[in-house]
Amino acid sequence: MGMPVITPSNTTRTQAVTDIIESVALQETALSHILNAEGEKIQKVVAMSDVTPEVLMAVNKSVESMVGAVSRLEMILQSKLAVFDGCLCDGDQPSV
């Protein structure tokens, strides 16, 4: 397996920034779906008639772990967007 060949593209800086912001928005949507599913998981377990405290604690620990992972991903996404703070794209010059 050789080195990959990377060819220059004609993508403008404006389009590159737009693409990154759009990708962050799509990732945010995915994370919101994950958090919603975790909330539904809690609701289903709490609604069970024979749920034990041990099961509730296990579910809580699982949800807590997932929320922590989502929080870490949120920080990464925020740092991706922070690169463009105050960035005004001048026209449609190709990105470098």
N, C-alpha and C. Protein backbone atom coordinates (compact mmCIF):
# COMPACT_ATOMS: atom_id res chain seq x y z
N MET A 1 0.84 -1.18 0.00
CA MET A 1 0.00 0.00 0.00
C MET A 1 0.89 1.24 0.00
N GLY A 2 0.67 2.12 -0.97
CA GLY A 2 1.49 3.31 -1.09
C GLY A 2 0.87 4.51 -0.40
N MET A 3 1.53 5.60 -0.53
CA MET A 3 1.04 6.86 0.04
C MET A 3 -0.17 7.34 -0.75
N PRO A 4 -1.18 7.87 -0.06
CA PRO A 4 -2.33 8.39 -0.79
C PRO A 4 -1.94 9.64 -1.58
N VAL A 5 -2.59 9.80 -2.70
CA VAL A 5 -2.34 10.98 -3.52
C VAL A 5 -3.42 12.00 -3.21
N ILE A 6 -2.99 13.15 -2.76
CA ILE A 6 -3.93 14.23 -2.42
C ILE A 6 -3.81 15.30 -3.49
N THR A 7 -4.91 15.52 -4.17
CA THR A 7 -4.89 16.52 -5.24
C THR A 7 -5.58 17.78 -4.75
N PRO A 8 -5.10 18.94 -5.18
CA PRO A 8 -5.74 20.20 -4.77
C PRO A 8 -7.17 20.27 -5.29
N SER A 9 -8.02 20.91 -4.54
CA SER A 9 -9.40 21.06 -5.00
C SER A 9 -9.67 22.53 -5.32
N ASN A 10 -10.78 22.76 -5.94
CA ASN A 10 -11.19 24.12 -6.29
C ASN A 10 -12.16 24.70 -5.27
N THR A 11 -12.24 24.07 -4.10
CA THR A 11 -13.16 24.53 -3.07
C THR A 11 -12.73 25.90 -2.56
N THR A 12 -13.68 26.80 -2.47
CA THR A 12 -13.38 28.14 -1.96
C THR A 12 -13.32 28.10 -0.44
N ARG A 13 -12.68 29.10 0.12
CA ARG A 13 -12.61 29.20 1.59
C ARG A 13 -14.01 29.31 2.17
N THR A 14 -14.86 30.09 1.54
CA THR A 14 -16.24 30.25 2.01
C THR A 14 -16.95 28.91 2.03
N GLN A 15 -16.79 28.12 0.97
CA GLN A 15 -17.45 26.82 0.91
C GLN A 15 -16.87 25.87 1.95
N ALA A 16 -15.56 25.92 2.16
CA ALA A 16 -14.93 25.05 3.16
C ALA A 16 -15.46 25.36 4.56
N VAL A 17 -15.54 26.64 4.89
CA VAL A 17 -16.07 27.04 6.20
C VAL A 17 -17.53 26.61 6.32
N THR A 18 -18.31 26.83 5.28
CA THR A 18 -19.72 26.43 5.28
C THR A 18 -19.85 24.92 5.48
N ASP A 19 -19.01 24.14 4.80
CA ASP A 19 -19.05 22.68 4.93
C ASP A 19 -18.74 22.24 6.36
N ILE A 20 -17.76 22.87 6.99
CA ILE A 20 -17.41 22.51 8.36
C ILE A 20 -18.54 22.85 9.32
N ILE A 21 -19.13 24.02 9.15
CA ILE A 21 -20.25 24.42 10.02
C ILE A 21 -21.43 23.47 9.82
N GLU A 22 -21.69 23.10 8.57
CA GLU A 22 -22.78 22.16 8.30
C GLU A 22 -22.51 20.80 8.93
N SER A 23 -21.26 20.35 8.87
CA SER A 23 -20.94 19.05 9.47
C SER A 23 -21.12 19.09 10.99
N VAL A 24 -20.76 20.20 11.61
CA VAL A 24 -20.97 20.35 13.06
C VAL A 24 -22.47 20.33 13.38
N ALA A 25 -23.27 21.01 12.57
CA ALA A 25 -24.72 21.02 12.78
C ALA A 25 -25.30 19.61 12.68
N LEU A 26 -24.85 18.83 11.71
CA LEU A 26 -25.33 17.46 11.56
C LEU A 26 -24.90 16.59 12.75
N GLN A 27 -23.69 16.80 13.23
CA GLN A 27 -23.23 16.05 14.40
C GLN A 27 -24.02 16.44 15.65
N GLU A 28 -24.35 17.72 15.77
CA GLU A 28 -25.17 18.18 16.90
C GLU A 28 -26.54 17.51 16.86
N THR A 29 -27.10 17.38 15.66
CA THR A 29 -28.39 16.71 15.51
C THR A 29 -28.30 15.26 15.96
N ALA A 30 -27.24 14.59 15.55
CA ALA A 30 -27.05 13.19 15.96
C ALA A 30 -26.92 13.07 17.47
N LEU A 31 -26.17 13.98 18.08
CA LEU A 31 -26.02 13.95 19.54
C LEU A 31 -27.35 14.21 20.25
N SER A 32 -28.18 15.08 19.68
CA SER A 32 -29.49 15.33 20.30
C SER A 32 -30.36 14.09 20.24
N HIS A 33 -30.24 13.31 19.15
CA HIS A 33 -31.01 12.07 19.05
C HIS A 33 -30.52 11.05 20.09
N ILE A 34 -29.22 11.01 20.31
CA ILE A 34 -28.68 10.11 21.32
C ILE A 34 -29.19 10.49 22.70
N LEU A 35 -29.16 11.78 23.03
CA LEU A 35 -29.65 12.22 24.35
C LEU A 35 -31.15 11.93 24.50
N ASN A 36 -31.91 12.13 23.43
CA ASN A 36 -33.34 11.83 23.48
C ASN A 36 -33.57 10.34 23.74
N ALA A 37 -32.80 9.48 23.09
CA ALA A 37 -32.93 8.04 23.29
C ALA A 37 -32.59 7.66 24.73
N GLU A 38 -31.61 8.32 25.31
CA GLU A 38 -31.26 8.05 26.70
C GLU A 38 -32.41 8.44 27.63
N GLY A 39 -33.05 9.56 27.34
CA GLY A 39 -34.21 9.97 28.14
C GLY A 39 -35.35 8.98 28.02
N GLU A 40 -35.58 8.48 26.82
CA GLU A 40 -36.63 7.47 26.62
C GLU A 40 -36.30 6.19 27.36
N LYS A 41 -35.02 5.84 27.39
CA LYS A 41 -34.60 4.64 28.13
C LYS A 41 -34.96 4.78 29.60
N ILE A 42 -34.66 5.93 30.17
CA ILE A 42 -34.99 6.16 31.59
C ILE A 42 -36.49 6.07 31.80
N GLN A 43 -37.27 6.71 30.94
CA GLN A 43 -38.73 6.68 31.08
C GLN A 43 -39.28 5.26 31.04
N LYS A 44 -38.78 4.42 30.14
CA LYS A 44 -39.27 3.05 30.04
C LYS A 44 -38.92 2.24 31.28
N VAL A 45 -37.71 2.42 31.78
CA VAL A 45 -37.31 1.66 32.96
C VAL A 45 -38.09 2.11 34.18
N VAL A 46 -38.27 3.41 34.35
CA VAL A 46 -39.02 3.93 35.50
C VAL A 46 -40.48 3.46 35.45
N ALA A 47 -41.03 3.31 34.26
CA ALA A 47 -42.43 2.90 34.11
C ALA A 47 -42.64 1.40 34.36
N MET A 48 -41.56 0.64 34.41
CA MET A 48 -41.70 -0.81 34.65
C MET A 48 -42.24 -1.05 36.05
N SER A 49 -43.18 -1.98 36.14
CA SER A 49 -43.80 -2.24 37.44
C SER A 49 -42.88 -3.01 38.39
N ASP A 50 -41.99 -3.80 37.85
CA ASP A 50 -41.14 -4.64 38.69
C ASP A 50 -39.67 -4.17 38.72
N VAL A 51 -39.45 -2.90 38.49
CA VAL A 51 -38.08 -2.39 38.46
C VAL A 51 -37.49 -2.37 39.87
N THR A 52 -36.24 -2.76 39.97
CA THR A 52 -35.57 -2.78 41.27
C THR A 52 -34.63 -1.58 41.38
N PRO A 53 -34.28 -1.22 42.60
CA PRO A 53 -33.31 -0.13 42.77
C PRO A 53 -31.99 -0.41 42.06
N GLU A 54 -31.58 -1.66 42.02
CA GLU A 54 -30.34 -2.02 41.35
C GLU A 54 -30.41 -1.74 39.84
N VAL A 55 -31.56 -2.06 39.25
CA VAL A 55 -31.75 -1.80 37.82
C VAL A 55 -31.76 -0.30 37.56
N LEU A 56 -32.43 0.45 38.42
CA LEU A 56 -32.47 1.90 38.27
C LEU A 56 -31.06 2.49 38.37
N MET A 57 -30.28 2.00 39.29
CA MET A 57 -28.90 2.49 39.44
C MET A 57 -28.05 2.13 38.22
N ALA A 58 -28.23 0.93 37.68
CA ALA A 58 -27.46 0.51 36.51
C ALA A 58 -27.83 1.37 35.30
N VAL A 59 -29.11 1.63 35.13
CA VAL A 59 -29.55 2.47 34.02
C VAL A 59 -29.03 3.88 34.20
N ASN A 60 -29.10 4.39 35.42
CA ASN A 60 -28.59 5.72 35.70
C ASN A 60 -27.10 5.83 35.38
N LYS A 61 -26.34 4.80 35.75
CA LYS A 61 -24.91 4.81 35.47
C LYS A 61 -24.65 4.78 33.97
N SER A 62 -25.42 3.99 33.25
CA SER A 62 -25.28 3.91 31.79
C SER A 62 -25.58 5.26 31.14
N VAL A 63 -26.67 5.88 31.56
CA VAL A 63 -27.07 7.17 31.00
C VAL A 63 -26.03 8.24 31.36
N GLU A 64 -25.56 8.21 32.58
CA GLU A 64 -24.54 9.17 33.02
C GLU A 64 -23.28 9.05 32.16
N SER A 65 -22.89 7.81 31.86
CA SER A 65 -21.72 7.58 31.01
C SER A 65 -21.94 8.15 29.61
N MET A 66 -23.12 7.92 29.05
CA MET A 66 -23.42 8.41 27.70
C MET A 66 -23.47 9.95 27.68
N VAL A 67 -24.07 10.55 28.68
CA VAL A 67 -24.14 12.01 28.75
C VAL A 67 -22.73 12.59 28.86
N GLY A 68 -21.86 11.93 29.60
CA GLY A 68 -20.47 12.38 29.69
C GLY A 68 -19.78 12.31 28.35
N ALA A 69 -20.01 11.23 27.60
CA ALA A 69 -19.40 11.09 26.28
C ALA A 69 -19.92 12.17 25.34
N VAL A 70 -21.23 12.42 25.39
CA VAL A 70 -21.82 13.46 24.54
C VAL A 70 -21.25 14.83 24.92
N SER A 71 -21.07 15.08 26.19
CA SER A 71 -20.51 16.36 26.64
C SER A 71 -19.09 16.55 26.10
N ARG A 72 -18.30 15.49 26.12
CA ARG A 72 -16.94 15.58 25.58
C ARG A 72 -16.98 15.87 24.08
N LEU A 73 -17.88 15.22 23.37
CA LEU A 73 -18.01 15.48 21.93
C LEU A 73 -18.48 16.91 21.67
N GLU A 74 -19.36 17.42 22.52
CA GLU A 74 -19.82 18.80 22.39
C GLU A 74 -18.64 19.78 22.49
N MET A 75 -17.73 19.51 23.41
CA MET A 75 -16.56 20.38 23.56
C MET A 75 -15.69 20.34 22.31
N ILE A 76 -15.55 19.16 21.72
CA ILE A 76 -14.77 19.04 20.49
C ILE A 76 -15.44 19.82 19.36
N LEU A 77 -16.76 19.70 19.25
CA LEU A 77 -17.48 20.43 18.20
C LEU A 77 -17.37 21.94 18.42
N GLN A 78 -17.45 22.35 19.67
CA GLN A 78 -17.32 23.78 19.97
C GLN A 78 -15.94 24.28 19.57
N SER A 79 -14.92 23.48 19.80
CA SER A 79 -13.57 23.91 19.43
C SER A 79 -13.40 23.96 17.91
N LYS A 80 -14.11 23.10 17.18
CA LYS A 80 -14.08 23.18 15.71
C LYS A 80 -14.66 24.50 15.24
N LEU A 81 -15.75 24.92 15.88
CA LEU A 81 -16.39 26.18 15.48
C LEU A 81 -15.58 27.39 15.95
N ALA A 82 -14.88 27.26 17.07
CA ALA A 82 -14.12 28.38 17.61
C ALA A 82 -13.01 28.82 16.66
N VAL A 83 -12.56 27.92 15.81
CA VAL A 83 -11.53 28.26 14.83
C VAL A 83 -12.00 29.39 13.93
N PHE A 84 -13.31 29.47 13.72
CA PHE A 84 -13.86 30.46 12.79
C PHE A 84 -14.43 31.68 13.48
N ASP A 85 -14.20 31.83 14.79
CA ASP A 85 -14.66 33.04 15.48
C ASP A 85 -14.01 34.26 14.84
N GLY A 86 -14.83 35.20 14.44
CA GLY A 86 -14.32 36.42 13.85
C GLY A 86 -13.78 36.23 12.44
N CYS A 87 -14.07 35.10 11.84
CA CYS A 87 -13.57 34.82 10.50
C CYS A 87 -14.55 35.36 9.46
N LEU A 88 -14.10 36.31 8.73
CA LEU A 88 -14.90 36.83 7.63
C LEU A 88 -14.23 36.38 6.34
N CYS A 89 -14.96 35.65 5.57
CA CYS A 89 -14.40 35.15 4.31
C CYS A 89 -14.47 36.25 3.26
N ASP A 90 -13.35 36.54 2.63
CA ASP A 90 -13.28 37.56 1.59
C ASP A 90 -13.54 36.94 0.24
N GLY A 91 -14.72 37.14 -0.25
CA GLY A 91 -15.05 36.65 -1.58
C GLY A 91 -14.97 35.15 -1.70
N ASP A 92 -14.70 34.66 -2.89
CA ASP A 92 -14.64 33.24 -3.14
C ASP A 92 -13.25 32.84 -3.62
N GLN A 93 -12.24 33.13 -2.80
CA GLN A 93 -10.88 32.74 -3.12
C GLN A 93 -10.71 31.26 -2.79
N PRO A 94 -9.99 30.49 -3.61
CA PRO A 94 -9.77 29.08 -3.28
C PRO A 94 -9.06 28.95 -1.94
N SER A 95 -9.46 27.92 -1.16
CA SER A 95 -8.84 27.71 0.16
C SER A 95 -7.42 27.21 -0.01
N VAL A 96 -6.60 27.51 0.98
CA VAL A 96 -5.20 27.11 0.92
C VAL A 96 -4.88 26.19 2.08
